[in-house]
């Protein structure tokens, strides 16, 4: 039997009951989850208490359904059970890896609020507005 976490046990139990103690990932981690090799997208077959040699006994994680906007621990701790999803550690790591890879590929964004060009002063300028009040 898997014990719930010390903090948020009631919400964790609600999420696990809804998920039937099974990982709810359907490919968000980048895997097909296709054990029968039928080339269809399936649901991960990891369950609470399942023994896996690589990780030992699996304990599912209740994580936000929207990890980009609600992934901060302070926000995630205040979410209701309907906005959480059950993930096994491998699927959770896969989702984080995909998010990290996607954020590295984004172009740096300039919001224009602190554009450096407007503060440039030509050193050879003699205009009072460029030099500043003396």
C-alpha atoms as a PDB file:
ATOM      1  CA  UNK A   1       0.000   0.000   0.000  1.00  0.00           C
ATOM      2  CA  UNK A   2       1.278   3.449  -0.914  1.00  0.00           C
ATOM      3  CA  UNK A   3       1.050   6.146   1.726  1.00  0.00           C
ATOM      4  CA  UNK A   4      -0.117   9.617   0.712  1.00  0.00           C
ATOM      5  CA  UNK A   5       2.220  12.580   1.220  1.00  0.00           C
ATOM      6  CA  UNK A   6       2.223  14.281   4.611  1.00  0.00           C
ATOM      7  CA  UNK A   7       0.959  17.564   3.179  1.00  0.00           C
ATOM      8  CA  UNK A   8      -2.106  17.579   0.922  1.00  0.00           C
ATOM      9  CA  UNK A   9      -3.058  13.958   1.553  1.00  0.00           C
ATOM     10  CA  UNK A  10      -6.789  14.549   1.001  1.00  0.00           C
ATOM     11  CA  UNK A  11      -6.250  16.151  -2.425  1.00  0.00           C
ATOM     12  CA  UNK A  12      -3.673  13.504  -3.404  1.00  0.00           C
ATOM     13  CA  UNK A  13      -6.110  10.732  -2.439  1.00  0.00           C
ATOM     14  CA  UNK A  14      -8.864  12.393  -4.491  1.00  0.00           C
ATOM     15  CA  UNK A  15      -6.618  12.635  -7.572  1.00  0.00           C
ATOM     16  CA  UNK A  16      -5.449   9.017  -7.215  1.00  0.00           C
ATOM     17  CA  UNK A  17      -9.007   7.737  -6.740  1.00  0.00           C
ATOM     18  CA  UNK A  18     -10.136   9.556  -9.908  1.00  0.00           C
ATOM     19  CA  UNK A  19      -7.150   8.084 -11.804  1.00  0.00           C
ATOM     20  CA  UNK A  20      -7.703   4.577 -10.365  1.00  0.00           C
ATOM     21  CA  UNK A  21      -4.132   4.720  -8.993  1.00  0.00           C
ATOM     22  CA  UNK A  22      -2.800   4.751 -12.558  1.00  0.00           C
ATOM     23  CA  UNK A  23      -0.681   7.337 -14.367  1.00  0.00           C
ATOM     24  CA  UNK A  24      -2.913   9.571 -16.503  1.00  0.00           C
ATOM     25  CA  UNK A  25      -0.252  10.442 -19.093  1.00  0.00           C
ATOM     26  CA  UNK A  26      -1.394   9.965 -22.674  1.00  0.00           C
ATOM     27  CA  UNK A  27       1.742  11.047 -24.469  1.00  0.00           C
ATOM     28  CA  UNK A  28       2.534  14.410 -22.861  1.00  0.00           C
ATOM     29  CA  UNK A  29       5.905  12.940 -21.852  1.00  0.00           C
ATOM     30  CA  UNK A  30       6.835  12.150 -25.447  1.00  0.00           C
ATOM     31  CA  UNK A  31       6.196   8.376 -25.281  1.00  0.00           C
ATOM     32  CA  UNK A  32       3.493   6.514 -27.184  1.00  0.00           C
ATOM     33  CA  UNK A  33       2.509   4.279 -24.218  1.00  0.00           C
ATOM     34  CA  UNK A  34       1.729   1.506 -26.692  1.00  0.00           C
ATOM     35  CA  UNK A  35       2.608  -1.820 -25.005  1.00  0.00           C
ATOM     36  CA  UNK A  36       0.939  -3.925 -27.725  1.00  0.00           C
ATOM     37  CA  UNK A  37       2.739  -2.078 -30.562  1.00  0.00           C
ATOM     38  CA  UNK A  38      -0.483  -1.205 -32.383  1.00  0.00           C
ATOM     39  CA  UNK A  39       0.832   2.294 -33.256  1.00  0.00           C
ATOM     40  CA  UNK A  40      -1.889   4.030 -31.282  1.00  0.00           C
ATOM     41  CA  UNK A  41      -1.623   6.515 -28.452  1.00  0.00           C
ATOM     42  CA  UNK A  42      -2.417   4.869 -25.148  1.00  0.00           C
ATOM     43  CA  UNK A  43      -2.352   5.628 -21.461  1.00  0.00           C
ATOM     44  CA  UNK A  44       0.685   4.917 -19.316  1.00  0.00           C
ATOM     45  CA  UNK A  45       0.376   1.625 -17.451  1.00  0.00           C
ATOM     46  CA  UNK A  46       2.316   2.610 -14.317  1.00  0.00           C
ATOM     47  CA  UNK A  47       0.287   2.230 -11.121  1.00  0.00           C
ATOM     48  CA  UNK A  48       0.817   3.087  -7.471  1.00  0.00           C
ATOM     49  CA  UNK A  49       2.813   0.349  -5.800  1.00  0.00           C
ATOM     50  CA  UNK A  50       4.026  -1.282  -9.028  1.00  0.00           C
ATOM     51  CA  UNK A  51       7.561  -2.573  -8.692  1.00  0.00           C
ATOM     52  CA  UNK A  52       9.926  -1.361 -11.390  1.00  0.00           C
ATOM     53  CA  UNK A  53      13.606  -2.307 -11.315  1.00  0.00           C
ATOM     54  CA  UNK A  54      14.897   1.125 -12.343  1.00  0.00           C
ATOM     55  CA  UNK A  55      13.014   3.166  -9.723  1.00  0.00           C
ATOM     56  CA  UNK A  56      11.875   0.585  -7.210  1.00  0.00           C
ATOM     57  CA  UNK A  57       8.236   0.948  -6.158  1.00  0.00           C
ATOM     58  CA  UNK A  58       6.275   3.542  -8.137  1.00  0.00           C
ATOM     59  CA  UNK A  59       4.538   6.349  -6.253  1.00  0.00           C
ATOM     60  CA  UNK A  60       2.429   8.589  -8.443  1.00  0.00           C
ATOM     61  CA  UNK A  61       2.702  12.384  -8.280  1.00  0.00           C
ATOM     62  CA  UNK A  62      -0.259  14.779  -8.275  1.00  0.00           C
ATOM     63  CA  UNK A  63       0.938  17.577 -10.542  1.00  0.00           C
ATOM     64  CA  UNK A  64      -0.829  20.518 -12.249  1.00  0.00           C
ATOM     65  CA  UNK A  65      -2.498  19.838 -15.590  1.00  0.00           C
ATOM     66  CA  UNK A  66      -0.895  23.063 -16.868  1.00  0.00           C
ATOM     67  CA  UNK A  67       2.736  22.798 -15.694  1.00  0.00           C
ATOM     68  CA  UNK A  68       3.840  25.942 -17.536  1.00  0.00           C
ATOM     69  CA  UNK A  69       1.435  28.385 -15.874  1.00  0.00           C
ATOM     70  CA  UNK A  70       0.710  26.493 -12.656  1.00  0.00           C
ATOM     71  CA  UNK A  71       3.983  24.610 -12.131  1.00  0.00           C
ATOM     72  CA  UNK A  72       5.244  26.893  -9.366  1.00  0.00           C
ATOM     73  CA  UNK A  73       5.027  25.093  -6.005  1.00  0.00           C
ATOM     74  CA  UNK A  74       3.099  27.936  -4.371  1.00  0.00           C
ATOM     75  CA  UNK A  75       0.463  27.915  -7.111  1.00  0.00           C
ATOM     76  CA  UNK A  76       0.313  24.117  -7.370  1.00  0.00           C
ATOM     77  CA  UNK A  77      -0.234  23.709  -3.632  1.00  0.00           C
ATOM     78  CA  UNK A  78      -3.370  25.854  -3.781  1.00  0.00           C
ATOM     79  CA  UNK A  79      -4.987  24.084  -6.759  1.00  0.00           C
ATOM     80  CA  UNK A  80      -8.126  21.962  -6.371  1.00  0.00           C
ATOM     81  CA  UNK A  81      -8.047  18.267  -7.262  1.00  0.00           C
ATOM     82  CA  UNK A  82      -9.831  18.919 -10.570  1.00  0.00           C
ATOM     83  CA  UNK A  83      -6.817  20.891 -11.842  1.00  0.00           C
ATOM     84  CA  UNK A  84      -4.292  18.179 -10.873  1.00  0.00           C
ATOM     85  CA  UNK A  85      -3.279  15.053 -12.772  1.00  0.00           C
ATOM     86  CA  UNK A  86      -1.611  11.813 -11.645  1.00  0.00           C
ATOM     87  CA  UNK A  87       1.793  11.171 -13.239  1.00  0.00           C
ATOM     88  CA  UNK A  88       4.408   8.501 -12.635  1.00  0.00           C
ATOM     89  CA  UNK A  89       7.951   9.839 -12.069  1.00  0.00           C
ATOM     90  CA  UNK A  90       9.096   8.879 -15.599  1.00  0.00           C
ATOM     91  CA  UNK A  91       6.232  10.734 -17.312  1.00  0.00           C
ATOM     92  CA  UNK A  92       6.672  13.723 -14.999  1.00  0.00           C
ATOM     93  CA  UNK A  93      10.381  13.904 -15.882  1.00  0.00           C
ATOM     94  CA  UNK A  94       9.522  13.564 -19.583  1.00  0.00           C
ATOM     95  CA  UNK A  95       7.087  16.489 -19.454  1.00  0.00           C
ATOM     96  CA  UNK A  96       9.649  18.673 -17.677  1.00  0.00           C
ATOM     97  CA  UNK A  97      12.288  17.708 -20.248  1.00  0.00           C
ATOM     98  CA  UNK A  98       9.975  18.686 -23.138  1.00  0.00           C
ATOM     99  CA  UNK A  99       9.147  22.030 -21.494  1.00  0.00           C
ATOM    100  CA  UNK A 100      12.828  22.763 -20.872  1.00  0.00           C
ATOM    101  CA  UNK A 101      13.746  21.909 -24.472  1.00  0.00           C
ATOM    102  CA  UNK A 102      10.934  24.105 -25.819  1.00  0.00           C
ATOM    103  CA  UNK A 103      11.919  27.101 -23.687  1.00  0.00           C
ATOM    104  CA  UNK A 104      15.525  26.851 -24.895  1.00  0.00           C
ATOM    105  CA  UNK A 105      14.316  27.093 -28.503  1.00  0.00           C
ATOM    106  CA  UNK A 106      12.339  30.293 -27.889  1.00  0.00           C
ATOM    107  CA  UNK A 107      13.759  33.528 -29.187  1.00  0.00           C
ATOM    108  CA  UNK A 108      14.661  36.086 -26.519  1.00  0.00           C
ATOM    109  CA  UNK A 109      11.778  38.488 -26.202  1.00  0.00           C
ATOM    110  CA  UNK A 110      12.212  42.231 -25.938  1.00  0.00           C
ATOM    111  CA  UNK A 111       9.261  43.951 -24.328  1.00  0.00           C
ATOM    112  CA  UNK A 112      10.549  47.402 -25.264  1.00  0.00           C
ATOM    113  CA  UNK A 113       9.970  48.786 -21.797  1.00  0.00           C
ATOM    114  CA  UNK A 114      13.681  48.939 -21.106  1.00  0.00           C
ATOM    115  CA  UNK A 115      15.035  49.419 -24.605  1.00  0.00           C
ATOM    116  CA  UNK A 116      18.681  50.443 -24.372  1.00  0.00           C
ATOM    117  CA  UNK A 117      18.763  52.484 -27.598  1.00  0.00           C
ATOM    118  CA  UNK A 118      16.852  55.417 -26.124  1.00  0.00           C
ATOM    119  CA  UNK A 119      19.466  55.924 -23.387  1.00  0.00           C
ATOM    120  CA  UNK A 120      22.428  56.044 -25.758  1.00  0.00           C
ATOM    121  CA  UNK A 121      24.348  59.321 -25.590  1.00  0.00           C
ATOM    122  CA  UNK A 122      26.919  60.106 -28.233  1.00  0.00           C
ATOM    123  CA  UNK A 123      30.151  61.006 -26.343  1.00  0.00           C
ATOM    124  CA  UNK A 124      31.019  63.731 -28.846  1.00  0.00           C
ATOM    125  CA  UNK A 125      27.638  65.454 -28.485  1.00  0.00           C
ATOM    126  CA  UNK A 126      27.576  69.032 -27.150  1.00  0.00           C
ATOM    127  CA  UNK A 127      23.784  69.375 -26.968  1.00  0.00           C
ATOM    128  CA  UNK A 128      22.523  70.247 -23.499  1.00  0.00           C
ATOM    129  CA  UNK A 129      19.736  67.603 -23.792  1.00  0.00           C
ATOM    130  CA  UNK A 130      22.271  64.851 -24.497  1.00  0.00           C
ATOM    131  CA  UNK A 131      24.853  65.884 -21.912  1.00  0.00           C
ATOM    132  CA  UNK A 132      22.397  66.602 -19.145  1.00  0.00           C
ATOM    133  CA  UNK A 133      21.986  69.577 -16.859  1.00  0.00           C
ATOM    134  CA  UNK A 134      25.394  70.661 -15.637  1.00  0.00           C
END
